[in-house]
Amino acid sequence: MDKTEKNQESVTALIEVRIAPQSGTGYERIAQRICQYETVDSLYLMTGCYDLLVTISGSSMQEVAEFVYEHLATIEGVAGTATHFVMKKYKENGQMLVKNSDRQERIKFV
């Protein structure tokens, strides 16, 4: 799937990847392998509870899930993954995606 196809009705996912660093190469070998997939939009080395953050876009949640269990989870050294699907985008790459209402909406409780 190319980038123009991804913009049409796509699903964005953030995938946390926990890995066991490899002797002599640390995280590099696994990171380089993940980077080779065209589906991967971004890959970051992180601090905290997981090691890598992978962002991908797919045509459906099922497509993203298949990528995770067929490709990511099968890489030697990957200890676990957690997939988070983006439900709504408010701002991306510095650009507002949702109109900002100046009017405060009040919710009426009965």
PDB file of N, CA and C in Angstrom:
ATOM      1  N   MET A   1       0.850  -1.165   0.000  1.00  0.00           N
ATOM      2  CA  MET A   1       0.000   0.000   0.000  1.00  0.00           C
ATOM      3  C   MET A   1       0.896   1.228   0.000  1.00  0.00           C
ATOM      4  N   ASP A   2       0.669   2.186  -0.909  1.00  0.00           N
ATOM      5  CA  ASP A   2       1.494   3.380  -0.926  1.00  0.00           C
ATOM      6  C   ASP A   2       0.858   4.489  -0.086  1.00  0.00           C
ATOM      7  N   LYS A   3       1.590   5.597   0.075  1.00  0.00           N
ATOM      8  CA  LYS A   3       1.165   6.680   0.974  1.00  0.00           C
ATOM      9  C   LYS A   3      -0.157   7.316   0.535  1.00  0.00           C
ATOM     10  N   THR A   4      -0.447   7.399  -0.779  1.00  0.00           N
ATOM     11  CA  THR A   4      -1.700   8.011  -1.216  1.00  0.00           C
ATOM     12  C   THR A   4      -2.887   7.141  -0.849  1.00  0.00           C
ATOM     13  N   GLU A   5      -2.710   5.823  -0.891  1.00  0.00           N
ATOM     14  CA  GLU A   5      -3.784   4.919  -0.493  1.00  0.00           C
ATOM     15  C   GLU A   5      -4.043   5.002   1.001  1.00  0.00           C
ATOM     16  N   LYS A   6      -2.998   5.245   1.816  1.00  0.00           N
ATOM     17  CA  LYS A   6      -3.144   5.294   3.257  1.00  0.00           C
ATOM     18  C   LYS A   6      -4.036   6.450   3.692  1.00  0.00           C
ATOM     19  N   ASN A   7      -4.072   7.548   2.921  1.00  0.00           N
ATOM     20  CA  ASN A   7      -4.852   8.705   3.301  1.00  0.00           C
ATOM     21  C   ASN A   7      -6.348   8.477   3.148  1.00  0.00           C
ATOM     22  N   GLN A   8      -6.761   7.476   2.408  1.00  0.00           N
ATOM     23  CA  GLN A   8      -8.165   7.197   2.195  1.00  0.00           C
ATOM     24  C   GLN A   8      -8.643   6.198   3.245  1.00  0.00           C
ATOM     25  N   GLU A   9      -9.493   6.687   4.175  1.00  0.00           N
ATOM     26  CA  GLU A   9     -10.094   5.818   5.186  1.00  0.00           C
ATOM     27  C   GLU A   9      -9.075   4.898   5.846  1.00  0.00           C
ATOM     28  N   SER A  10      -8.061   5.483   6.444  1.00  0.00           N
ATOM     29  CA  SER A  10      -7.046   4.653   7.077  1.00  0.00           C
ATOM     30  C   SER A  10      -7.171   4.674   8.595  1.00  0.00           C
ATOM     31  N   VAL A  11      -6.559   3.685   9.202  1.00  0.00           N
ATOM     32  CA  VAL A  11      -6.505   3.533  10.646  1.00  0.00           C
ATOM     33  C   VAL A  11      -5.055   3.763  11.042  1.00  0.00           C
ATOM     34  N   THR A  12      -4.844   4.569  12.081  1.00  0.00           N
ATOM     35  CA  THR A  12      -3.501   4.817  12.575  1.00  0.00           C
ATOM     36  C   THR A  12      -3.332   4.095  13.905  1.00  0.00           C
ATOM     37  N   ALA A  13      -2.185   3.461  14.066  1.00  0.00           N
ATOM     38  CA  ALA A  13      -1.913   2.741  15.310  1.00  0.00           C
ATOM     39  C   ALA A  13      -0.531   3.115  15.830  1.00  0.00           C
ATOM     40  N   LEU A  14      -0.434   3.169  17.164  1.00  0.00           N
ATOM     41  CA  LEU A  14       0.839   3.348  17.863  1.00  0.00           C
ATOM     42  C   LEU A  14       1.114   2.024  18.550  1.00  0.00           C
ATOM     43  N   ILE A  15       2.258   1.451  18.271  1.00  0.00           N
ATOM     44  CA  ILE A  15       2.577   0.128  18.801  1.00  0.00           C
ATOM     45  C   ILE A  15       3.807   0.223  19.694  1.00  0.00           C
ATOM     46  N   GLU A  16       3.624  -0.127  20.957  1.00  0.00           N
ATOM     47  CA  GLU A  16       4.732  -0.189  21.898  1.00  0.00           C
ATOM     48  C   GLU A  16       5.400  -1.546  21.717  1.00  0.00           C
ATOM     49  N   VAL A  17       6.721  -1.535  21.622  1.00  0.00           N
ATOM     50  CA  VAL A  17       7.464  -2.782  21.441  1.00  0.00           C
ATOM     51  C   VAL A  17       8.505  -2.895  22.547  1.00  0.00           C
ATOM     52  N   ARG A  18       8.436  -3.989  23.297  1.00  0.00           N
ATOM     53  CA  ARG A  18       9.462  -4.295  24.306  1.00  0.00           C
ATOM     54  C   ARG A  18      10.419  -5.292  23.678  1.00  0.00           C
ATOM     55  N   ILE A  19      11.710  -5.001  23.776  1.00  0.00           N
ATOM     56  CA  ILE A  19      12.688  -5.911  23.178  1.00  0.00           C
ATOM     57  C   ILE A  19      13.804  -6.219  24.169  1.00  0.00           C
ATOM     58  N   ALA A  20      14.451  -7.325  23.917  1.00  0.00           N
ATOM     59  CA  ALA A  20      15.645  -7.705  24.671  1.00  0.00           C
ATOM     60  C   ALA A  20      16.837  -7.236  23.839  1.00  0.00           C
ATOM     61  N   PRO A  21      17.583  -6.257  24.329  1.00  0.00           N
ATOM     62  CA  PRO A  21      18.722  -5.754  23.557  1.00  0.00           C
ATOM     63  C   PRO A  21      19.700  -6.876  23.220  1.00  0.00           C
ATOM     64  N   GLN A  22      20.210  -6.864  22.015  1.00  0.00           N
ATOM     65  CA  GLN A  22      21.124  -7.887  21.543  1.00  0.00           C
ATOM     66  C   GLN A  22      22.560  -7.520  21.911  1.00  0.00           C
ATOM     67  N   SER A  23      23.341  -8.497  22.290  1.00  0.00           N
ATOM     68  CA  SER A  23      24.745  -8.287  22.636  1.00  0.00           C
ATOM     69  C   SER A  23      25.494  -7.722  21.432  1.00  0.00           C
ATOM     70  N   GLY A  24      26.153  -6.617  21.638  1.00  0.00           N
ATOM     71  CA  GLY A  24      26.961  -6.015  20.581  1.00  0.00           C
ATOM     72  C   GLY A  24      26.215  -5.028  19.703  1.00  0.00           C
ATOM     73  N   THR A  25      24.897  -5.187  19.541  1.00  0.00           N
ATOM     74  CA  THR A  25      24.148  -4.280  18.667  1.00  0.00           C
ATOM     75  C   THR A  25      23.058  -3.521  19.407  1.00  0.00           C
ATOM     76  N   GLY A  26      22.805  -3.861  20.672  1.00  0.00           N
ATOM     77  CA  GLY A  26      21.766  -3.173  21.430  1.00  0.00           C
ATOM     78  C   GLY A  26      20.413  -3.295  20.757  1.00  0.00           C
ATOM     79  N   TYR A  27      19.816  -2.160  20.473  1.00  0.00           N
ATOM     80  CA  TYR A  27      18.486  -2.130  19.843  1.00  0.00           C
ATOM     81  C   TYR A  27      18.564  -2.002  18.321  1.00  0.00           C
ATOM     82  N   GLU A  28      19.742  -1.709  17.810  1.00  0.00           N
ATOM     83  CA  GLU A  28      19.906  -1.350  16.395  1.00  0.00           C
ATOM     84  C   GLU A  28      19.436  -2.414  15.407  1.00  0.00           C
ATOM     85  N   ARG A  29      19.802  -3.671  15.621  1.00  0.00           N
ATOM     86  CA  ARG A  29      19.436  -4.721  14.668  1.00  0.00           C
ATOM     87  C   ARG A  29      17.927  -4.835  14.525  1.00  0.00           C
ATOM     88  N   ILE A  30      17.232  -4.834  15.647  1.00  0.00           N
ATOM     89  CA  ILE A  30      15.772  -4.962  15.612  1.00  0.00           C
ATOM     90  C   ILE A  30      15.147  -3.705  15.025  1.00  0.00           C
ATOM     91  N   ALA A  31      15.641  -2.528  15.411  1.00  0.00           N
ATOM     92  CA  ALA A  31      15.106  -1.274  14.873  1.00  0.00           C
ATOM     93  C   ALA A  31      15.285  -1.215  13.355  1.00  0.00           C
ATOM     94  N   GLN A  32      16.455  -1.603  12.874  1.00  0.00           N
ATOM     95  CA  GLN A  32      16.695  -1.588  11.429  1.00  0.00           C
ATOM     96  C   GLN A  32      15.770  -2.555  10.693  1.00  0.00           C
ATOM     97  N   ARG A  33      15.509  -3.693  11.305  1.00  0.00           N
ATOM     98  CA  ARG A  33      14.601  -4.671  10.677  1.00  0.00           C
ATOM     99  C   ARG A  33      13.179  -4.113  10.592  1.00  0.00           C
ATOM    100  N   ILE A  34      12.721  -3.480  11.668  1.00  0.00           N
ATOM    101  CA  ILE A  34      11.367  -2.913  11.674  1.00  0.00           C
ATOM    102  C   ILE A  34      11.261  -1.780  10.661  1.00  0.00           C
ATOM    103  N   CYS A  35      12.308  -0.980  10.525  1.00  0.00           N
ATOM    104  CA  CYS A  35      12.308   0.136   9.566  1.00  0.00           C
ATOM    105  C   CYS A  35      12.117  -0.317   8.120  1.00  0.00           C
ATOM    106  N   GLN A  36      12.473  -1.549   7.823  1.00  0.00           N
ATOM    107  CA  GLN A  36      12.387  -2.048   6.450  1.00  0.00           C
ATOM    108  C   GLN A  36      10.963  -2.216   5.952  1.00  0.00           C
ATOM    109  N   TYR A  37      10.003  -2.318   6.857  1.00  0.00           N
ATOM    110  CA  TYR A  37       8.609  -2.507   6.445  1.00  0.00           C
ATOM    111  C   TYR A  37       8.034  -1.193   5.933  1.00  0.00           C
ATOM    112  N   GLU A  38       7.484  -1.216   4.735  1.00  0.00           N
ATOM    113  CA  GLU A  38       6.884  -0.021   4.141  1.00  0.00           C
ATOM    114  C   GLU A  38       5.697   0.478   4.963  1.00  0.00           C
ATOM    115  N   THR A  39       5.048  -0.409   5.659  1.00  0.00           N
ATOM    116  CA  THR A  39       3.889  -0.070   6.488  1.00  0.00           C
ATOM    117  C   THR A  39       4.269   0.862   7.633  1.00  0.00           C
ATOM    118  N   VAL A  40       5.513   0.822   8.089  1.00  0.00           N
ATOM    119  CA  VAL A  40       5.963   1.611   9.228  1.00  0.00           C
ATOM    120  C   VAL A  40       6.137   3.067   8.804  1.00  0.00           C
ATOM    121  N   ASP A  41       5.389   3.957   9.471  1.00  0.00           N
ATOM    122  CA  ASP A  41       5.494   5.392   9.207  1.00  0.00           C
ATOM    123  C   ASP A  41       6.614   6.021  10.016  1.00  0.00           C
ATOM    124  N   SER A  42       6.724   5.646  11.308  1.00  0.00           N
ATOM    125  CA  SER A  42       7.737   6.199  12.199  1.00  0.00           C
ATOM    126  C   SER A  42       8.196   5.129  13.166  1.00  0.00           C
ATOM    127  N   LEU A  43       9.435   5.284  13.642  1.00  0.00           N
ATOM    128  CA  LEU A  43       9.983   4.370  14.647  1.00  0.00           C
ATOM    129  C   LEU A  43      10.884   5.177  15.563  1.00  0.00           C
ATOM    130  N   TYR A  44      10.627   5.080  16.881  1.00  0.00           N
ATOM    131  CA  TYR A  44      11.375   5.849  17.868  1.00  0.00           C
ATOM    132  C   TYR A  44      11.906   4.934  18.958  1.00  0.00           C
ATOM    133  N   LEU A  45      13.138   5.183  19.412  1.00  0.00           N
ATOM    134  CA  LEU A  45      13.676   4.540  20.605  1.00  0.00           C
ATOM    135  C   LEU A  45      13.193   5.375  21.780  1.00  0.00           C
ATOM    136  N   MET A  46      12.613   4.734  22.789  1.00  0.00           N
ATOM    137  CA  MET A  46      11.947   5.434  23.883  1.00  0.00           C
ATOM    138  C   MET A  46      12.577   5.097  25.229  1.00  0.00           C
ATOM    139  N   THR A  47      12.272   5.922  26.214  1.00  0.00           N
ATOM    140  CA  THR A  47      12.560   5.594  27.603  1.00  0.00           C
ATOM    141  C   THR A  47      11.231   5.197  28.232  1.00  0.00           C
ATOM    142  N   GLY A  48      11.286   4.495  29.333  1.00  0.00           N
ATOM    143  CA  GLY A  48      10.052   4.149  30.032  1.00  0.00           C
ATOM    144  C   GLY A  48       9.759   2.666  29.994  1.00  0.00           C
ATOM    145  N   CYS A  49       8.490   2.338  29.913  1.00  0.00           N
ATOM    146  CA  CYS A  49       8.022   0.946  30.029  1.00  0.00           C
ATOM    147  C   CYS A  49       8.258   0.105  28.780  1.00  0.00           C
ATOM    148  N   TYR A  50       8.511   0.724  27.661  1.00  0.00           N
ATOM    149  CA  TYR A  50       8.777  -0.014  26.428  1.00  0.00           C
ATOM    150  C   TYR A  50       9.970   0.610  25.730  1.00  0.00           C
ATOM    151  N   ASP A  51      10.494  -0.077  24.737  1.00  0.00           N
ATOM    152  CA  ASP A  51      11.754   0.342  24.113  1.00  0.00           C
ATOM    153  C   ASP A  51      11.572   1.094  22.798  1.00  0.00           C
ATOM    154  N   LEU A  52      10.667   0.614  21.963  1.00  0.00           N
ATOM    155  CA  LEU A  52      10.437   1.232  20.660  1.00  0.00           C
ATOM    156  C   LEU A  52       8.973   1.617  20.524  1.00  0.00           C
ATOM    157  N   LEU A  53       8.721   2.718  19.805  1.00  0.00           N
ATOM    158  CA  LEU A  53       7.360   3.111  19.461  1.00  0.00           C
ATOM    159  C   LEU A  53       7.268   3.115  17.950  1.00  0.00           C
ATOM    160  N   VAL A  54       6.369   2.312  17.426  1.00  0.00           N
ATOM    161  CA  VAL A  54       6.160   2.189  15.991  1.00  0.00           C
ATOM    162  C   VAL A  54       4.816   2.815  15.654  1.00  0.00           C
ATOM    163  N   THR A  55       4.769   3.683  14.649  1.00  0.00           N
ATOM    164  CA  THR A  55       3.491   4.194  14.168  1.00  0.00           C
ATOM    165  C   THR A  55       3.266   3.657  12.763  1.00  0.00           C
ATOM    166  N   ILE A  56       2.061   3.162  12.538  1.00  0.00           N
ATOM    167  CA  ILE A  56       1.720   2.646  11.211  1.00  0.00           C
ATOM    168  C   ILE A  56       0.302   3.075  10.851  1.00  0.00           C
ATOM    169  N   SER A  57       0.013   3.012   9.567  1.00  0.00           N
ATOM    170  CA  SER A  57      -1.340   3.238   9.067  1.00  0.00           C
ATOM    171  C   SER A  57      -1.742   2.018   8.265  1.00  0.00           C
ATOM    172  N   GLY A  58      -3.000   1.657   8.372  1.00  0.00           N
ATOM    173  CA  GLY A  58      -3.518   0.523   7.622  1.00  0.00           C
ATOM    174  C   GLY A  58      -4.934   0.813   7.167  1.00  0.00           C
ATOM    175  N   SER A  59      -5.456  -0.032   6.338  1.00  0.00           N
ATOM    176  CA  SER A  59      -6.816   0.178   5.835  1.00  0.00           C
ATOM    177  C   SER A  59      -7.869  -0.253   6.845  1.00  0.00           C
ATOM    178  N   SER A  60      -7.460  -1.048   7.851  1.00  0.00           N
ATOM    179  CA  SER A  60      -8.408  -1.508   8.867  1.00  0.00           C
ATOM    180  C   SER A  60      -7.650  -1.934  10.116  1.00  0.00           C
ATOM    181  N   MET A  61      -8.377  -2.086  11.216  1.00  0.00           N
ATOM    182  CA  MET A  61      -7.760  -2.583  12.441  1.00  0.00           C
ATOM    183  C   MET A  61      -7.232  -3.994  12.225  1.00  0.00           C
ATOM    184  N   GLN A  62      -7.931  -4.775  11.435  1.00  0.00           N
ATOM    185  CA  GLN A  62      -7.506  -6.138  11.139  1.00  0.00           C
ATOM    186  C   GLN A  62      -6.162  -6.146  10.414  1.00  0.00           C
ATOM    187  N   GLU A  63      -5.981  -5.243   9.473  1.00  0.00           N
ATOM    188  CA  GLU A  63      -4.713  -5.163   8.749  1.00  0.00           C
ATOM    189  C   GLU A  63      -3.562  -4.825   9.695  1.00  0.00           C
ATOM    190  N   VAL A  64      -3.786  -3.894  10.611  1.00  0.00           N
ATOM    191  CA  VAL A  64      -2.768  -3.532  11.599  1.00  0.00           C
ATOM    192  C   VAL A  64      -2.472  -4.726  12.497  1.00  0.00           C
ATOM    193  N   ALA A  65      -3.514  -5.399  12.964  1.00  0.00           N
ATOM    194  CA  ALA A  65      -3.328  -6.573  13.828  1.00  0.00           C
ATOM    195  C   ALA A  65      -2.514  -7.646  13.113  1.00  0.00           C
ATOM    196  N   GLU A  66      -2.792  -7.883  11.854  1.00  0.00           N
ATOM    197  CA  GLU A  66      -2.040  -8.876  11.074  1.00  0.00           C
ATOM    198  C   GLU A  66      -0.568  -8.483  10.974  1.00  0.00           C
ATOM    199  N   PHE A  67      -0.295  -7.200  10.774  1.00  0.00           N
ATOM    200  CA  PHE A  67       1.098  -6.733  10.721  1.00  0.00           C
ATOM    201  C   PHE A  67       1.808  -7.041  12.046  1.00  0.00           C
ATOM    202  N   VAL A  68       1.111  -6.780  13.159  1.00  0.00           N
ATOM    203  CA  VAL A  68       1.722  -6.999  14.470  1.00  0.00           C
ATOM    204  C   VAL A  68       2.027  -8.468  14.686  1.00  0.00           C
ATOM    205  N   TYR A  69       1.036  -9.351  14.474  1.00  0.00           N
ATOM    206  CA  TYR A  69       1.286 -10.761  14.808  1.00  0.00           C
ATOM    207  C   TYR A  69       2.028 -11.531  13.727  1.00  0.00           C
ATOM    208  N   GLU A  70       2.034 -11.055  12.491  1.00  0.00           N
ATOM    209  CA  GLU A  70       2.784 -11.754  11.445  1.00  0.00           C
ATOM    210  C   GLU A  70       4.220 -11.240  11.299  1.00  0.00           C
ATOM    211  N   HIS A  71       4.442  -9.967  11.617  1.00  0.00           N
ATOM    212  CA  HIS A  71       5.756  -9.376  11.371  1.00  0.00           C
ATOM    213  C   HIS A  71       6.465  -8.936  12.647  1.00  0.00           C
ATOM    214  N   LEU A  72       5.865  -8.029  13.408  1.00  0.00           N
ATOM    215  CA  LEU A  72       6.548  -7.496  14.596  1.00  0.00           C
ATOM    216  C   LEU A  72       6.786  -8.551  15.663  1.00  0.00           C
ATOM    217  N   ALA A  73       5.738  -9.244  16.045  1.00  0.00           N
ATOM    218  CA  ALA A  73       5.839 -10.191  17.161  1.00  0.00           C
ATOM    219  C   ALA A  73       6.748 -11.375  16.848  1.00  0.00           C
ATOM    220  N   THR A  74       6.992 -11.648  15.584  1.00  0.00           N
ATOM    221  CA  THR A  74       7.805 -12.805  15.211  1.00  0.00           C
ATOM    222  C   THR A  74       9.308 -12.495  15.119  1.00  0.00           C
ATOM    223  N   ILE A  75       9.682 -11.230  15.284  1.00  0.00           N
ATOM    224  CA  ILE A  75      11.093 -10.860  15.216  1.00  0.00           C
ATOM    225  C   ILE A  75      11.801 -11.372  16.468  1.00  0.00           C
ATOM    226  N   GLU A  76      12.904 -12.074  16.254  1.00  0.00           N
ATOM    227  CA  GLU A  76      13.682 -12.583  17.383  1.00  0.00           C
ATOM    228  C   GLU A  76      14.165 -11.414  18.236  1.00  0.00           C
ATOM    229  N   GLY A  77      13.907 -11.497  19.518  1.00  0.00           N
ATOM    230  CA  GLY A  77      14.288 -10.441  20.446  1.00  0.00           C
ATOM    231  C   GLY A  77      13.126  -9.565  20.879  1.00  0.00           C
ATOM    232  N   VAL A  78      11.987  -9.652  20.171  1.00  0.00           N
ATOM    233  CA  VAL A  78      10.801  -8.902  20.580  1.00  0.00           C
ATOM    234  C   VAL A  78      10.139  -9.660  21.724  1.00  0.00           C
ATOM    235  N   ALA A  79      10.045  -8.989  22.881  1.00  0.00           N
ATOM    236  CA  ALA A  79       9.488  -9.620  24.081  1.00  0.00           C
ATOM    237  C   ALA A  79       7.986  -9.387  24.216  1.00  0.00           C
ATOM    238  N   GLY A  80       7.464  -8.353  23.573  1.00  0.00           N
ATOM    239  CA  GLY A  80       6.032  -8.086  23.668  1.00  0.00           C
ATOM    240  C   GLY A  80       5.651  -6.816  22.931  1.00  0.00           C
ATOM    241  N   THR A  81       4.369  -6.703  22.626  1.00  0.00           N
ATOM    242  CA  THR A  81       3.854  -5.514  21.952  1.00  0.00           C
ATOM    243  C   THR A  81       2.530  -5.106  22.605  1.00  0.00           C
ATOM    244  N   ALA A  82       2.191  -3.835  22.461  1.00  0.00           N
ATOM    245  CA  ALA A  82       0.883  -3.320  22.870  1.00  0.00           C
ATOM    246  C   ALA A  82       0.453  -2.337  21.793  1.00  0.00           C
ATOM    247  N   THR A  83      -0.701  -2.572  21.206  1.00  0.00           N
ATOM    248  CA  THR A  83      -1.180  -1.759  20.098  1.00  0.00           C
ATOM    249  C   THR A  83      -2.273  -0.813  20.568  1.00  0.00           C
ATOM    250  N   HIS A  84      -2.139   0.459  20.191  1.00  0.00           N
ATOM    251  CA  HIS A  84      -3.121   1.484  20.525  1.00  0.00           C
ATOM    252  C   HIS A  84      -3.619   2.093  19.222  1.00  0.00           C
ATOM    253  N   PHE A  85      -4.930   2.084  19.013  1.00  0.00           N
ATOM    254  CA  PHE A  85      -5.512   2.661  17.805  1.00  0.00           C
ATOM    255  C   PHE A  85      -5.930   4.103  18.067  1.00  0.00           C
ATOM    256  N   VAL A  86      -5.642   4.977  17.121  1.00  0.00           N
ATOM    257  CA  VAL A  86      -6.039   6.374  17.221  1.00  0.00           C
ATOM    258  C   VAL A  86      -7.529   6.453  16.909  1.00  0.00           C
ATOM    259  N   MET A  87      -8.281   7.004  17.853  1.00  0.00           N
ATOM    260  CA  MET A  87      -9.730   7.111  17.682  1.00  0.00           C
ATOM    261  C   MET A  87     -10.132   8.397  16.966  1.00  0.00           C
ATOM    262  N   LYS A  88      -9.436   9.492  17.284  1.00  0.00           N
ATOM    263  CA  LYS A  88      -9.739  10.781  16.662  1.00  0.00           C
ATOM    264  C   LYS A  88      -8.482  11.629  16.712  1.00  0.00           C
ATOM    265  N   LYS A  89      -8.210  12.345  15.636  1.00  0.00           N
ATOM    266  CA  LYS A  89      -7.054  13.235  15.580  1.00  0.00           C
ATOM    267  C   LYS A  89      -7.540  14.674  15.739  1.00  0.00           C
ATOM    268  N   TYR A  90      -6.936  15.398  16.693  1.00  0.00           N
ATOM    269  CA  TYR A  90      -7.273  16.793  16.918  1.00  0.00           C
ATOM    270  C   TYR A  90      -6.249  17.725  16.275  1.00  0.00           C
ATOM    271  N   LYS A  91      -4.987  17.306  16.334  1.00  0.00           N
ATOM    272  CA  LYS A  91      -3.911  18.100  15.761  1.00  0.00           C
ATOM    273  C   LYS A  91      -2.831  17.143  15.295  1.00  0.00           C
ATOM    274  N   GLU A  92      -2.290  17.399  14.108  1.00  0.00           N
ATOM    275  CA  GLU A  92      -1.248  16.524  13.576  1.00  0.00           C
ATOM    276  C   GLU A  92      -0.257  17.354  12.788  1.00  0.00           C
ATOM    277  N   ASN A  93       1.030  17.121  13.051  1.00  0.00           N
ATOM    278  CA  ASN A  93       2.104  17.856  12.378  1.00  0.00           C
ATOM    279  C   ASN A  93       1.905  19.368  12.463  1.00  0.00           C
ATOM    280  N   GLY A  94       1.444  19.847  13.628  1.00  0.00           N
ATOM    281  CA  GLY A  94       1.259  21.270  13.853  1.00  0.00           C
ATOM    282  C   GLY A  94      -0.009  21.858  13.280  1.00  0.00           C
ATOM    283  N   GLN A  95      -0.825  21.036  12.637  1.00  0.00           N
ATOM    284  CA  GLN A  95      -2.037  21.539  11.995  1.00  0.00           C
ATOM    285  C   GLN A  95      -3.276  21.058  12.736  1.00  0.00           C
ATOM    286  N   MET A  96      -4.160  22.019  13.063  1.00  0.00           N
ATOM    287  CA  MET A  96      -5.417  21.687  13.720  1.00  0.00           C
ATOM    288  C   MET A  96      -6.305  20.913  12.746  1.00  0.00           C
ATOM    289  N   LEU A  97      -6.887  19.829  13.220  1.00  0.00           N
ATOM    290  CA  LEU A  97      -7.746  19.007  12.380  1.00  0.00           C
ATOM    291  C   LEU A  97      -9.217  19.136  12.761  1.00  0.00           C
ATOM    292  N   VAL A  98      -9.479  19.750  13.926  1.00  0.00           N
ATOM    293  CA  VAL A  98     -10.844  19.916  14.406  1.00  0.00           C
ATOM    294  C   VAL A  98     -11.090  21.405  14.569  1.00  0.00           C
ATOM    295  N   LYS A  99     -12.227  21.856  14.071  1.00  0.00           N
ATOM    296  CA  LYS A  99     -12.551  23.273  14.214  1.00  0.00           C
ATOM    297  C   LYS A  99     -12.687  23.620  15.685  1.00  0.00           C
ATOM    298  N   ASN A 100     -12.091  24.731  16.071  1.00  0.00           N
ATOM    299  CA  ASN A 100     -12.119  25.189  17.455  1.00  0.00           C
ATOM    300  C   ASN A 100     -13.319  26.110  17.636  1.00  0.00           C
ATOM    301  N   SER A 101     -14.204  25.730  18.507  1.00  0.00           N
ATOM    302  CA  SER A 101     -15.385  26.535  18.775  1.00  0.00           C
ATOM    303  C   SER A 101     -15.071  27.535  19.879  1.00  0.00           C
ATOM    304  N   ASP A 102     -15.321  28.828  19.625  1.00  0.00           N
ATOM    305  CA  ASP A 102     -15.124  29.864  20.635  1.00  0.00           C
ATOM    306  C   ASP A 102     -16.218  29.816  21.692  1.00  0.00           C
ATOM    307  N   ARG A 103     -17.308  29.234  21.342  1.00  0.00           N
ATOM    308  CA  ARG A 103     -18.473  29.192  22.221  1.00  0.00           C
ATOM    309  C   ARG A 103     -18.350  28.012  23.174  1.00  0.00           C
ATOM    310  N   GLN A 104     -18.511  28.272  24.471  1.00  0.00           N
ATOM    311  CA  GLN A 104     -18.510  27.213  25.473  1.00  0.00           C
ATOM    312  C   GLN A 104     -19.865  26.513  25.423  1.00  0.00           C
ATOM    313  N   GLU A 105     -19.842  25.214  25.250  1.00  0.00           N
ATOM    314  CA  GLU A 105     -21.095  24.468  25.243  1.00  0.00           C
ATOM    315  C   GLU A 105     -21.420  24.017  26.658  1.00  0.00           C
ATOM    316  N   ARG A 106     -22.666  24.206  27.037  1.00  0.00           N
ATOM    317  CA  ARG A 106     -23.113  23.747  28.356  1.00  0.00           C
ATOM    318  C   ARG A 106     -23.957  22.511  28.181  1.00  0.00           C
ATOM    319  N   ILE A 107     -23.752  21.587  29.062  1.00  0.00           N
ATOM    320  CA  ILE A 107     -24.533  20.352  29.026  1.00  0.00           C
ATOM    321  C   ILE A 107     -25.609  20.463  30.092  1.00  0.00           C
ATOM    322  N   LYS A 108     -26.836  20.232  29.684  1.00  0.00           N
ATOM    323  CA  LYS A 108     -27.947  20.324  30.606  1.00  0.00           C
ATOM    324  C   LYS A 108     -28.171  18.968  31.273  1.00  0.00           C
ATOM    325  N   PHE A 109     -28.128  18.981  32.607  1.00  0.00           N
ATOM    326  CA  PHE A 109     -28.361  17.759  33.378  1.00  0.00           C
ATOM    327  C   PHE A 109     -29.752  17.837  33.971  1.00  0.00           C
ATOM    328  N   VAL A 110     -30.476  16.772  33.854  1.00  0.00           N
ATOM    329  CA  VAL A 110     -31.830  16.709  34.405  1.00  0.00           C
ATOM    330  C   VAL A 110     -31.874  15.778  35.585  1.00  0.00           C
TER     331      VAL A 110
END
